PDB file of all heavy atoms in Angstrom:
ATOM      1  N   LEU A   1       0.844  -1.130  -0.021  1.00  0.00           N
ATOM      2  CA  LEU A   1      -0.010  -0.019   0.019  1.00  0.00           C
ATOM      3  C   LEU A   1       0.847   1.186   0.015  1.00  0.00           C
ATOM      4  O   LEU A   1       1.837   1.307   0.758  1.00  0.00           O
ATOM      5  CB  LEU A   1      -0.922   0.015   1.223  1.00  0.00           C
ATOM      6  CG  LEU A   1      -1.734   1.198   1.488  1.00  0.00           C
ATOM      7  CD1 LEU A   1      -2.758   1.450   0.423  1.00  0.00           C
ATOM      8  CD2 LEU A   1      -2.403   1.142   2.843  1.00  0.00           C
ATOM      9  N   VAL A   2       0.611   2.215  -0.878  1.00  0.00           N
ATOM     10  CA  VAL A   2       1.446   3.376  -1.051  1.00  0.00           C
ATOM     11  C   VAL A   2       0.448   4.549  -1.296  1.00  0.00           C
ATOM     12  O   VAL A   2      -0.600   4.332  -1.932  1.00  0.00           O
ATOM     13  CB  VAL A   2       2.465   3.241  -2.042  1.00  0.00           C
ATOM     14  CG1 VAL A   2       1.893   2.997  -3.454  1.00  0.00           C
ATOM     15  CG2 VAL A   2       3.483   4.371  -2.064  1.00  0.00           C
ATOM     16  N   GLN A   3       0.850   5.712  -0.959  1.00  0.00           N
ATOM     17  CA  GLN A   3       0.060   6.916  -1.284  1.00  0.00           C
ATOM     18  C   GLN A   3       0.326   7.405  -2.670  1.00  0.00           C
ATOM     19  O   GLN A   3       1.428   7.110  -3.186  1.00  0.00           O
ATOM     20  CB  GLN A   3       0.381   8.007  -0.285  1.00  0.00           C
ATOM     21  CG  GLN A   3      -0.203   7.790   1.093  1.00  0.00           C
ATOM     22  CD  GLN A   3      -0.131   9.045   1.941  1.00  0.00           C
ATOM     23  OE1 GLN A   3       0.849   9.875   1.778  1.00  0.00           O
ATOM     24  NE2 GLN A   3      -0.915   9.154   2.977  1.00  0.00           N
ATOM     25  N   ALA A   4      -0.585   7.994  -3.272  1.00  0.00           N
ATOM     26  CA  ALA A   4      -0.452   8.578  -4.579  1.00  0.00           C
ATOM     27  C   ALA A   4       0.824   9.453  -4.641  1.00  0.00           C
ATOM     28  O   ALA A   4       1.078  10.225  -3.699  1.00  0.00           O
ATOM     29  CB  ALA A   4      -1.670   9.425  -5.008  1.00  0.00           C
ATOM     30  N   GLY A   5       1.588   9.283  -5.706  1.00  0.00           N
ATOM     31  CA  GLY A   5       2.817   9.991  -5.845  1.00  0.00           C
ATOM     32  C   GLY A   5       3.996   9.204  -5.279  1.00  0.00           C
ATOM     33  O   GLY A   5       5.226   9.635  -5.498  1.00  0.00           O
ATOM     34  N   GLY A   6       3.772   8.144  -4.657  1.00  0.00           N
ATOM     35  CA  GLY A   6       4.817   7.396  -4.026  1.00  0.00           C
ATOM     36  C   GLY A   6       5.463   6.386  -5.034  1.00  0.00           C
ATOM     37  O   GLY A   6       4.989   6.343  -6.238  1.00  0.00           O
ATOM     38  N   SER A   7       6.293   5.580  -4.453  1.00  0.00           N
ATOM     39  CA  SER A   7       7.056   4.604  -5.354  1.00  0.00           C
ATOM     40  C   SER A   7       6.983   3.217  -4.706  1.00  0.00           C
ATOM     41  O   SER A   7       6.925   3.073  -3.509  1.00  0.00           O
ATOM     42  CB  SER A   7       8.456   5.005  -5.491  1.00  0.00           C
ATOM     43  OG  SER A   7       8.593   6.261  -6.196  1.00  0.00           O
ATOM     44  N   LEU A   8       7.144   2.199  -5.610  1.00  0.00           N
ATOM     45  CA  LEU A   8       7.332   0.834  -5.178  1.00  0.00           C
ATOM     46  C   LEU A   8       8.227   0.129  -6.163  1.00  0.00           C
ATOM     47  O   LEU A   8       8.171   0.498  -7.360  1.00  0.00           O
ATOM     48  CB  LEU A   8       5.997   0.077  -5.124  1.00  0.00           C
ATOM     49  CG  LEU A   8       5.001   0.233  -3.931  1.00  0.00           C
ATOM     50  CD1 LEU A   8       3.717  -0.491  -4.154  1.00  0.00           C
ATOM     51  CD2 LEU A   8       5.692  -0.183  -2.639  1.00  0.00           C
ATOM     52  N   ARG A   9       8.950  -0.874  -5.732  1.00  0.00           N
ATOM     53  CA  ARG A   9       9.703  -1.655  -6.651  1.00  0.00           C
ATOM     54  C   ARG A   9       9.245  -3.158  -6.507  1.00  0.00           C
ATOM     55  O   ARG A   9       9.380  -3.719  -5.381  1.00  0.00           O
ATOM     56  CB  ARG A   9      11.199  -1.562  -6.448  1.00  0.00           C
ATOM     57  CG  ARG A   9      12.014  -2.297  -7.501  1.00  0.00           C
ATOM     58  CD  ARG A   9      13.530  -2.103  -7.371  1.00  0.00           C
ATOM     59  NE  ARG A   9      14.055  -3.101  -6.382  1.00  0.00           N
ATOM     60  CZ  ARG A   9      15.303  -3.481  -6.334  1.00  0.00           C
ATOM     61  NH1 ARG A   9      16.112  -3.016  -7.304  1.00  0.00           N
ATOM     62  NH2 ARG A   9      15.756  -4.318  -5.406  1.00  0.00           N
ATOM     63  N   LEU A  10       8.813  -3.698  -7.577  1.00  0.00           N
ATOM     64  CA  LEU A  10       8.401  -5.092  -7.633  1.00  0.00           C
ATOM     65  C   LEU A  10       9.570  -5.923  -8.136  1.00  0.00           C
ATOM     66  O   LEU A  10      10.343  -5.480  -8.960  1.00  0.00           O
ATOM     67  CB  LEU A  10       7.225  -5.369  -8.506  1.00  0.00           C
ATOM     68  CG  LEU A  10       5.982  -4.462  -8.279  1.00  0.00           C
ATOM     69  CD1 LEU A  10       4.837  -4.866  -9.213  1.00  0.00           C
ATOM     70  CD2 LEU A  10       5.537  -4.538  -6.906  1.00  0.00           C
ATOM     71  N   SER A  11       9.694  -7.128  -7.656  1.00  0.00           N
ATOM     72  CA  SER A  11      10.724  -8.104  -8.074  1.00  0.00           C
ATOM     73  C   SER A  11      10.046  -9.354  -8.552  1.00  0.00           C
ATOM     74  O   SER A  11       9.027  -9.738  -8.014  1.00  0.00           O
ATOM     75  CB  SER A  11      11.712  -8.358  -6.912  1.00  0.00           C
ATOM     76  OG  SER A  11      12.350  -7.265  -6.460  1.00  0.00           O
ATOM     77  N   CYS A  12      10.672 -10.000  -9.465  1.00  0.00           N
ATOM     78  CA  CYS A  12      10.175 -11.319  -9.958  1.00  0.00           C
ATOM     79  C   CYS A  12      11.412 -12.240 -10.103  1.00  0.00           C
ATOM     80  O   CYS A  12      12.295 -11.905 -10.947  1.00  0.00           O
ATOM     81  CB  CYS A  12       9.471 -11.138 -11.276  1.00  0.00           C
ATOM     82  SG  CYS A  12       9.020 -12.726 -12.020  1.00  0.00           S
ATOM     83  N   VAL A  13      11.501 -13.243  -9.294  1.00  0.00           N
ATOM     84  CA  VAL A  13      12.571 -14.166  -9.370  1.00  0.00           C
ATOM     85  C   VAL A  13      12.120 -15.395 -10.141  1.00  0.00           C
ATOM     86  O   VAL A  13      11.121 -16.019  -9.790  1.00  0.00           O
ATOM     87  CB  VAL A  13      13.011 -14.615  -7.961  1.00  0.00           C
ATOM     88  CG1 VAL A  13      14.226 -15.627  -8.010  1.00  0.00           C
ATOM     89  CG2 VAL A  13      13.437 -13.351  -7.144  1.00  0.00           C
ATOM     90  N   ALA A  14      12.945 -15.756 -11.113  1.00  0.00           N
ATOM     91  CA  ALA A  14      12.654 -16.909 -11.974  1.00  0.00           C
ATOM     92  C   ALA A  14      13.575 -18.058 -11.615  1.00  0.00           C
ATOM     93  O   ALA A  14      14.799 -17.849 -11.321  1.00  0.00           O
ATOM     94  CB  ALA A  14      12.861 -16.588 -13.468  1.00  0.00           C
ATOM     95  N   SER A  15      13.010 -19.207 -11.525  1.00  0.00           N
ATOM     96  CA  SER A  15      13.830 -20.463 -11.240  1.00  0.00           C
ATOM     97  C   SER A  15      13.357 -21.592 -12.107  1.00  0.00           C
ATOM     98  O   SER A  15      12.351 -21.496 -12.758  1.00  0.00           O
ATOM     99  CB  SER A  15      13.744 -20.830  -9.790  1.00  0.00           C
ATOM    100  OG  SER A  15      12.397 -21.153  -9.430  1.00  0.00           O
ATOM    101  N   GLY A  16      14.180 -22.570 -12.231  1.00  0.00           N
ATOM    102  CA  GLY A  16      13.839 -23.716 -13.087  1.00  0.00           C
ATOM    103  C   GLY A  16      14.652 -23.636 -14.340  1.00  0.00           C
ATOM    104  O   GLY A  16      15.801 -23.333 -14.404  1.00  0.00           O
ATOM    105  N   ARG A  17      13.951 -23.888 -15.526  1.00  0.00           N
ATOM    106  CA  ARG A  17      14.556 -23.901 -16.776  1.00  0.00           C
ATOM    107  C   ARG A  17      15.236 -22.618 -17.190  1.00  0.00           C
ATOM    108  O   ARG A  17      14.635 -21.464 -16.879  1.00  0.00           O
ATOM    109  CB  ARG A  17      13.488 -24.196 -17.858  1.00  0.00           C
ATOM    110  CG  ARG A  17      13.995 -24.262 -19.251  1.00  0.00           C
ATOM    111  CD  ARG A  17      12.724 -24.492 -20.153  1.00  0.00           C
ATOM    112  NE  ARG A  17      13.047 -24.230 -21.532  1.00  0.00           N
ATOM    113  CZ  ARG A  17      12.175 -24.272 -22.492  1.00  0.00           C
ATOM    114  NH1 ARG A  17      10.891 -24.612 -22.246  1.00  0.00           N
ATOM    115  NH2 ARG A  17      12.483 -23.924 -23.731  1.00  0.00           N
ATOM    116  N   THR A  18      16.422 -22.639 -17.811  1.00  0.00           N
ATOM    117  CA  THR A  18      17.131 -21.429 -18.113  1.00  0.00           C
ATOM    118  C   THR A  18      16.314 -20.586 -19.154  1.00  0.00           C
ATOM    119  O   THR A  18      15.858 -21.182 -20.186  1.00  0.00           O
ATOM    120  CB  THR A  18      18.531 -21.696 -18.726  1.00  0.00           C
ATOM    121  OG1 THR A  18      19.260 -22.470 -17.754  1.00  0.00           O
ATOM    122  CG2 THR A  18      19.201 -20.499 -19.118  1.00  0.00           C
ATOM    123  N   ILE A  19      16.209 -19.319 -18.959  1.00  0.00           N
ATOM    124  CA  ILE A  19      15.330 -18.503 -19.936  1.00  0.00           C
ATOM    125  C   ILE A  19      16.149 -17.324 -20.309  1.00  0.00           C
ATOM    126  O   ILE A  19      15.576 -16.214 -20.617  1.00  0.00           O
ATOM    127  CB  ILE A  19      14.055 -18.106 -19.261  1.00  0.00           C
ATOM    128  CG1 ILE A  19      14.278 -17.354 -17.978  1.00  0.00           C
ATOM    129  CG2 ILE A  19      13.145 -19.258 -19.088  1.00  0.00           C
ATOM    130  CD1 ILE A  19      13.053 -16.787 -17.369  1.00  0.00           C
ATOM    131  N   SER A  20      17.464 -17.433 -20.340  1.00  0.00           N
ATOM    132  CA  SER A  20      18.239 -16.235 -20.617  1.00  0.00           C
ATOM    133  C   SER A  20      18.092 -15.672 -22.029  1.00  0.00           C
ATOM    134  O   SER A  20      18.542 -14.584 -22.309  1.00  0.00           O
ATOM    135  CB  SER A  20      19.771 -16.577 -20.428  1.00  0.00           C
ATOM    136  OG  SER A  20      20.123 -17.630 -21.303  1.00  0.00           O
ATOM    137  N   SER A  21      17.533 -16.452 -22.934  1.00  0.00           N
ATOM    138  CA  SER A  21      17.345 -15.935 -24.295  1.00  0.00           C
ATOM    139  C   SER A  21      15.987 -15.455 -24.588  1.00  0.00           C
ATOM    140  O   SER A  21      15.662 -15.228 -25.719  1.00  0.00           O
ATOM    141  CB  SER A  21      17.651 -17.098 -25.310  1.00  0.00           C
ATOM    142  OG  SER A  21      16.756 -18.131 -25.091  1.00  0.00           O
ATOM    143  N   ALA A  22      15.120 -15.325 -23.631  1.00  0.00           N
ATOM    144  CA  ALA A  22      13.747 -14.948 -23.794  1.00  0.00           C
ATOM    145  C   ALA A  22      13.489 -13.553 -23.199  1.00  0.00           C
ATOM    146  O   ALA A  22      14.246 -12.694 -23.077  1.00  0.00           O
ATOM    147  CB  ALA A  22      12.858 -16.040 -23.249  1.00  0.00           C
ATOM    148  N   ALA A  23      12.183 -13.348 -23.016  1.00  0.00           N
ATOM    149  CA  ALA A  23      11.668 -12.065 -22.444  1.00  0.00           C
ATOM    150  C   ALA A  23      10.864 -12.327 -21.190  1.00  0.00           C
ATOM    151  O   ALA A  23      10.340 -13.343 -20.986  1.00  0.00           O
ATOM    152  CB  ALA A  23      10.824 -11.421 -23.603  1.00  0.00           C
ATOM    153  N   MET A  24      10.772 -11.225 -20.432  1.00  0.00           N
ATOM    154  CA  MET A  24       9.965 -11.177 -19.308  1.00  0.00           C
ATOM    155  C   MET A  24       8.994  -9.992 -19.366  1.00  0.00           C
ATOM    156  O   MET A  24       9.353  -8.906 -19.895  1.00  0.00           O
ATOM    157  CB  MET A  24      10.799 -10.994 -18.019  1.00  0.00           C
ATOM    158  CG  MET A  24      11.776 -12.176 -17.774  1.00  0.00           C
ATOM    159  SD  MET A  24      10.983 -13.651 -17.182  1.00  0.00           S
ATOM    160  CE  MET A  24      10.488 -13.218 -15.585  1.00  0.00           C
ATOM    161  N   GLY A  25       7.810 -10.166 -18.771  1.00  0.00           N
ATOM    162  CA  GLY A  25       6.864  -9.120 -18.822  1.00  0.00           C
ATOM    163  C   GLY A  25       6.186  -8.894 -17.511  1.00  0.00           C
ATOM    164  O   GLY A  25       6.145  -9.773 -16.688  1.00  0.00           O
ATOM    165  N   TRP A  26       5.648  -7.677 -17.338  1.00  0.00           N
ATOM    166  CA  TRP A  26       4.790  -7.414 -16.201  1.00  0.00           C
ATOM    167  C   TRP A  26       3.374  -7.014 -16.772  1.00  0.00           C
ATOM    168  O   TRP A  26       3.264  -6.238 -17.697  1.00  0.00           O
ATOM    169  CB  TRP A  26       5.290  -6.271 -15.439  1.00  0.00           C
ATOM    170  CG  TRP A  26       6.511  -6.539 -14.555  1.00  0.00           C
ATOM    171  CD1 TRP A  26       7.810  -6.373 -14.841  1.00  0.00           C
ATOM    172  CD2 TRP A  26       6.497  -7.102 -13.261  1.00  0.00           C
ATOM    173  NE1 TRP A  26       8.574  -6.795 -13.813  1.00  0.00           N
ATOM    174  CE2 TRP A  26       7.815  -7.199 -12.857  1.00  0.00           C
ATOM    175  CE3 TRP A  26       5.478  -7.580 -12.395  1.00  0.00           C
ATOM    176  CZ2 TRP A  26       8.058  -7.828 -11.558  1.00  0.00           C
ATOM    177  CZ3 TRP A  26       5.767  -8.072 -11.184  1.00  0.00           C
ATOM    178  CH2 TRP A  26       7.116  -8.244 -10.785  1.00  0.00           C
ATOM    179  N   PHE A  27       2.352  -7.599 -16.144  1.00  0.00           N
ATOM    180  CA  PHE A  27       0.975  -7.290 -16.396  1.00  0.00           C
ATOM    181  C   PHE A  27       0.261  -6.913 -15.172  1.00  0.00           C
ATOM    182  O   PHE A  27       0.803  -7.228 -14.101  1.00  0.00           O
ATOM    183  CB  PHE A  27       0.319  -8.494 -17.126  1.00  0.00           C
ATOM    184  CG  PHE A  27       0.865  -8.840 -18.517  1.00  0.00           C
ATOM    185  CD1 PHE A  27       2.108  -9.428 -18.721  1.00  0.00           C
ATOM    186  CD2 PHE A  27       0.124  -8.517 -19.613  1.00  0.00           C
ATOM    187  CE1 PHE A  27       2.580  -9.771 -19.983  1.00  0.00           C
ATOM    188  CE2 PHE A  27       0.585  -8.800 -20.906  1.00  0.00           C
ATOM    189  CZ  PHE A  27       1.801  -9.418 -20.997  1.00  0.00           C
ATOM    190  N   ARG A  28      -0.933  -6.333 -15.298  1.00  0.00           N
ATOM    191  CA  ARG A  28      -1.678  -6.093 -14.086  1.00  0.00           C
ATOM    192  C   ARG A  28      -3.163  -6.254 -14.390  1.00  0.00           C
ATOM    193  O   ARG A  28      -3.582  -6.150 -15.531  1.00  0.00           O
ATOM    194  CB  ARG A  28      -1.421  -4.626 -13.618  1.00  0.00           C
ATOM    195  CG  ARG A  28      -1.879  -3.523 -14.605  1.00  0.00           C
ATOM    196  CD  ARG A  28      -1.379  -2.177 -14.030  1.00  0.00           C
ATOM    197  NE  ARG A  28      -1.818  -1.086 -14.950  1.00  0.00           N
ATOM    198  CZ  ARG A  28      -1.380   0.186 -14.799  1.00  0.00           C
ATOM    199  NH1 ARG A  28      -0.527   0.533 -13.727  1.00  0.00           N
ATOM    200  NH2 ARG A  28      -1.830   1.120 -15.517  1.00  0.00           N
ATOM    201  N   GLN A  29      -3.855  -6.550 -13.293  1.00  0.00           N
ATOM    202  CA  GLN A  29      -5.319  -6.765 -13.390  1.00  0.00           C
ATOM    203  C   GLN A  29      -6.009  -6.081 -12.215  1.00  0.00           C
ATOM    204  O   GLN A  29      -5.804  -6.505 -11.118  1.00  0.00           O
ATOM    205  CB  GLN A  29      -5.730  -8.245 -13.511  1.00  0.00           C
ATOM    206  CG  GLN A  29      -7.137  -8.506 -13.804  1.00  0.00           C
ATOM    207  CD  GLN A  29      -7.349  -9.937 -14.172  1.00  0.00           C
ATOM    208  OE1 GLN A  29      -6.630 -10.813 -13.937  1.00  0.00           O
ATOM    209  NE2 GLN A  29      -8.437 -10.135 -14.874  1.00  0.00           N
ATOM    210  N   ALA A  30      -6.860  -5.118 -12.535  1.00  0.00           N
ATOM    211  CA  ALA A  30      -7.663  -4.433 -11.527  1.00  0.00           C
ATOM    212  C   ALA A  30      -8.980  -5.158 -11.310  1.00  0.00           C
ATOM    213  O   ALA A  30      -9.436  -5.899 -12.302  1.00  0.00           O
ATOM    214  CB  ALA A  30      -7.857  -2.967 -11.897  1.00  0.00           C
ATOM    215  N   PRO A  31      -9.627  -5.027 -10.223  1.00  0.00           N
ATOM    216  CA  PRO A  31     -10.873  -5.759  -9.993  1.00  0.00           C
ATOM    217  C   PRO A  31     -11.940  -5.486 -11.105  1.00  0.00           C
ATOM    218  O   PRO A  31     -12.139  -4.315 -11.388  1.00  0.00           O
ATOM    219  CB  PRO A  31     -11.366  -5.302  -8.623  1.00  0.00           C
ATOM    220  CG  PRO A  31     -10.116  -4.862  -7.973  1.00  0.00           C
ATOM    221  CD  PRO A  31      -9.201  -4.377  -9.039  1.00  0.00           C
ATOM    222  N   GLY A  32     -12.475  -6.488 -11.691  1.00  0.00           N
ATOM    223  CA  GLY A  32     -13.540  -6.315 -12.662  1.00  0.00           C
ATOM    224  C   GLY A  32     -12.994  -5.883 -14.079  1.00  0.00           C
ATOM    225  O   GLY A  32     -13.804  -5.630 -14.995  1.00  0.00           O
ATOM    226  N   LYS A  33     -11.699  -5.910 -14.244  1.00  0.00           N
ATOM    227  CA  LYS A  33     -11.131  -5.493 -15.502  1.00  0.00           C
ATOM    228  C   LYS A  33     -10.242  -6.624 -16.134  1.00  0.00           C
ATOM    229  O   LYS A  33      -9.930  -7.589 -15.359  1.00  0.00           O
ATOM    230  CB  LYS A  33     -10.295  -4.245 -15.336  1.00  0.00           C
ATOM    231  CG  LYS A  33     -11.098  -2.990 -14.932  1.00  0.00           C
ATOM    232  CD  LYS A  33     -10.341  -1.777 -14.937  1.00  0.00           C
ATOM    233  CE  LYS A  33     -11.098  -0.472 -14.628  1.00  0.00           C
ATOM    234  NZ  LYS A  33     -10.344   0.745 -14.645  1.00  0.00           N
ATOM    235  N   GLU A  34      -9.921  -6.450 -17.349  1.00  0.00           N
ATOM    236  CA  GLU A  34      -9.115  -7.446 -18.004  1.00  0.00           C
ATOM    237  C   GLU A  34      -7.633  -7.244 -17.556  1.00  0.00           C
ATOM    238  O   GLU A  34      -7.253  -6.106 -17.155  1.00  0.00           O
ATOM    239  CB  GLU A  34      -9.239  -7.292 -19.483  1.00  0.00           C
ATOM    240  CG  GLU A  34     -10.607  -7.695 -19.976  1.00  0.00           C
ATOM    241  CD  GLU A  34     -10.667  -7.704 -21.527  1.00  0.00           C
ATOM    242  OE1 GLU A  34      -9.656  -7.271 -22.230  1.00  0.00           O
ATOM    243  OE2 GLU A  34     -11.682  -8.163 -22.057  1.00  0.00           O
ATOM    244  N   ARG A  35      -6.867  -8.211 -17.778  1.00  0.00           N
ATOM    245  CA  ARG A  35      -5.366  -8.100 -17.538  1.00  0.00           C
ATOM    246  C   ARG A  35      -4.822  -7.196 -18.663  1.00  0.00           C
ATOM    247  O   ARG A  35      -5.041  -7.413 -19.809  1.00  0.00           O
ATOM    248  CB  ARG A  35      -4.774  -9.496 -17.551  1.00  0.00           C
ATOM    249  CG  ARG A  35      -3.252  -9.599 -17.323  1.00  0.00           C
ATOM    250  CD  ARG A  35      -2.798 -10.930 -17.393  1.00  0.00           C
ATOM    251  NE  ARG A  35      -3.020 -11.443 -18.739  1.00  0.00           N
ATOM    252  CZ  ARG A  35      -2.986 -12.805 -19.042  1.00  0.00           C
ATOM    253  NH1 ARG A  35      -2.789 -13.657 -18.090  1.00  0.00           N
ATOM    254  NH2 ARG A  35      -3.159 -13.194 -20.235  1.00  0.00           N
ATOM    255  N   ASP A  36      -3.974  -6.274 -18.230  1.00  0.00           N
ATOM    256  CA  ASP A  36      -3.383  -5.346 -19.059  1.00  0.00           C
ATOM    257  C   ASP A  36      -1.833  -5.429 -19.102  1.00  0.00           C
ATOM    258  O   ASP A  36      -1.248  -5.686 -18.092  1.00  0.00           O
ATOM    259  CB  ASP A  36      -3.749  -3.833 -18.746  1.00  0.00           C
ATOM    260  CG  ASP A  36      -5.167  -3.553 -19.023  1.00  0.00           C
ATOM    261  OD1 ASP A  36      -5.746  -4.105 -19.916  1.00  0.00           O
ATOM    262  OD2 ASP A  36      -5.688  -2.683 -18.287  1.00  0.00           O
ATOM    263  N   PHE A  37      -1.233  -5.221 -20.201  1.00  0.00           N
ATOM    264  CA  PHE A  37       0.198  -5.217 -20.335  1.00  0.00           C
ATOM    265  C   PHE A  37       0.728  -3.932 -19.626  1.00  0.00           C
ATOM    266  O   PHE A  37       0.200  -2.835 -19.681  1.00  0.00           O
ATOM    267  CB  PHE A  37       0.633  -5.172 -21.790  1.00  0.00           C
ATOM    268  CG  PHE A  37       2.027  -4.865 -22.032  1.00  0.00           C
ATOM    269  CD1 PHE A  37       3.068  -5.832 -21.829  1.00  0.00           C
ATOM    270  CD2 PHE A  37       2.381  -3.640 -22.552  1.00  0.00           C
ATOM    271  CE1 PHE A  37       4.392  -5.565 -22.039  1.00  0.00           C
ATOM    272  CE2 PHE A  37       3.808  -3.339 -22.748  1.00  0.00           C
ATOM    273  CZ  PHE A  37       4.814  -4.377 -22.500  1.00  0.00           C
ATOM    274  N   VAL A  38       1.945  -4.123 -19.002  1.00  0.00           N
ATOM    275  CA  VAL A  38       2.599  -2.936 -18.290  1.00  0.00           C
ATOM    276  C   VAL A  38       3.923  -2.722 -18.963  1.00  0.00           C
ATOM    277  O   VAL A  38       4.207  -1.675 -19.438  1.00  0.00           O
ATOM    278  CB  VAL A  38       2.739  -3.182 -16.760  1.00  0.00           C
ATOM    279  CG1 VAL A  38       3.565  -2.055 -16.157  1.00  0.00           C
ATOM    280  CG2 VAL A  38       1.325  -3.368 -16.129  1.00  0.00           C
ATOM    281  N   ALA A  39       4.792  -3.771 -18.957  1.00  0.00           N
ATOM    282  CA  ALA A  39       6.139  -3.548 -19.446  1.00  0.00           C
ATOM    283  C   ALA A  39       6.784  -4.902 -19.819  1.00  0.00           C
ATOM    284  O   ALA A  39       6.356  -5.946 -19.293  1.00  0.00           O
ATOM    285  CB  ALA A  39       7.017  -2.886 -18.466  1.00  0.00           C
TER     286      ALA A  39
END
């Protein structure tokens, strides 16, 4: 939880099969809405 104007840093740790040649993405889904691409 953060106030408007604030900052957060999300982390995503991958394990298992090596994926060094691929891509990673972030998506988000708000209540009642479809999942959207972020980055």
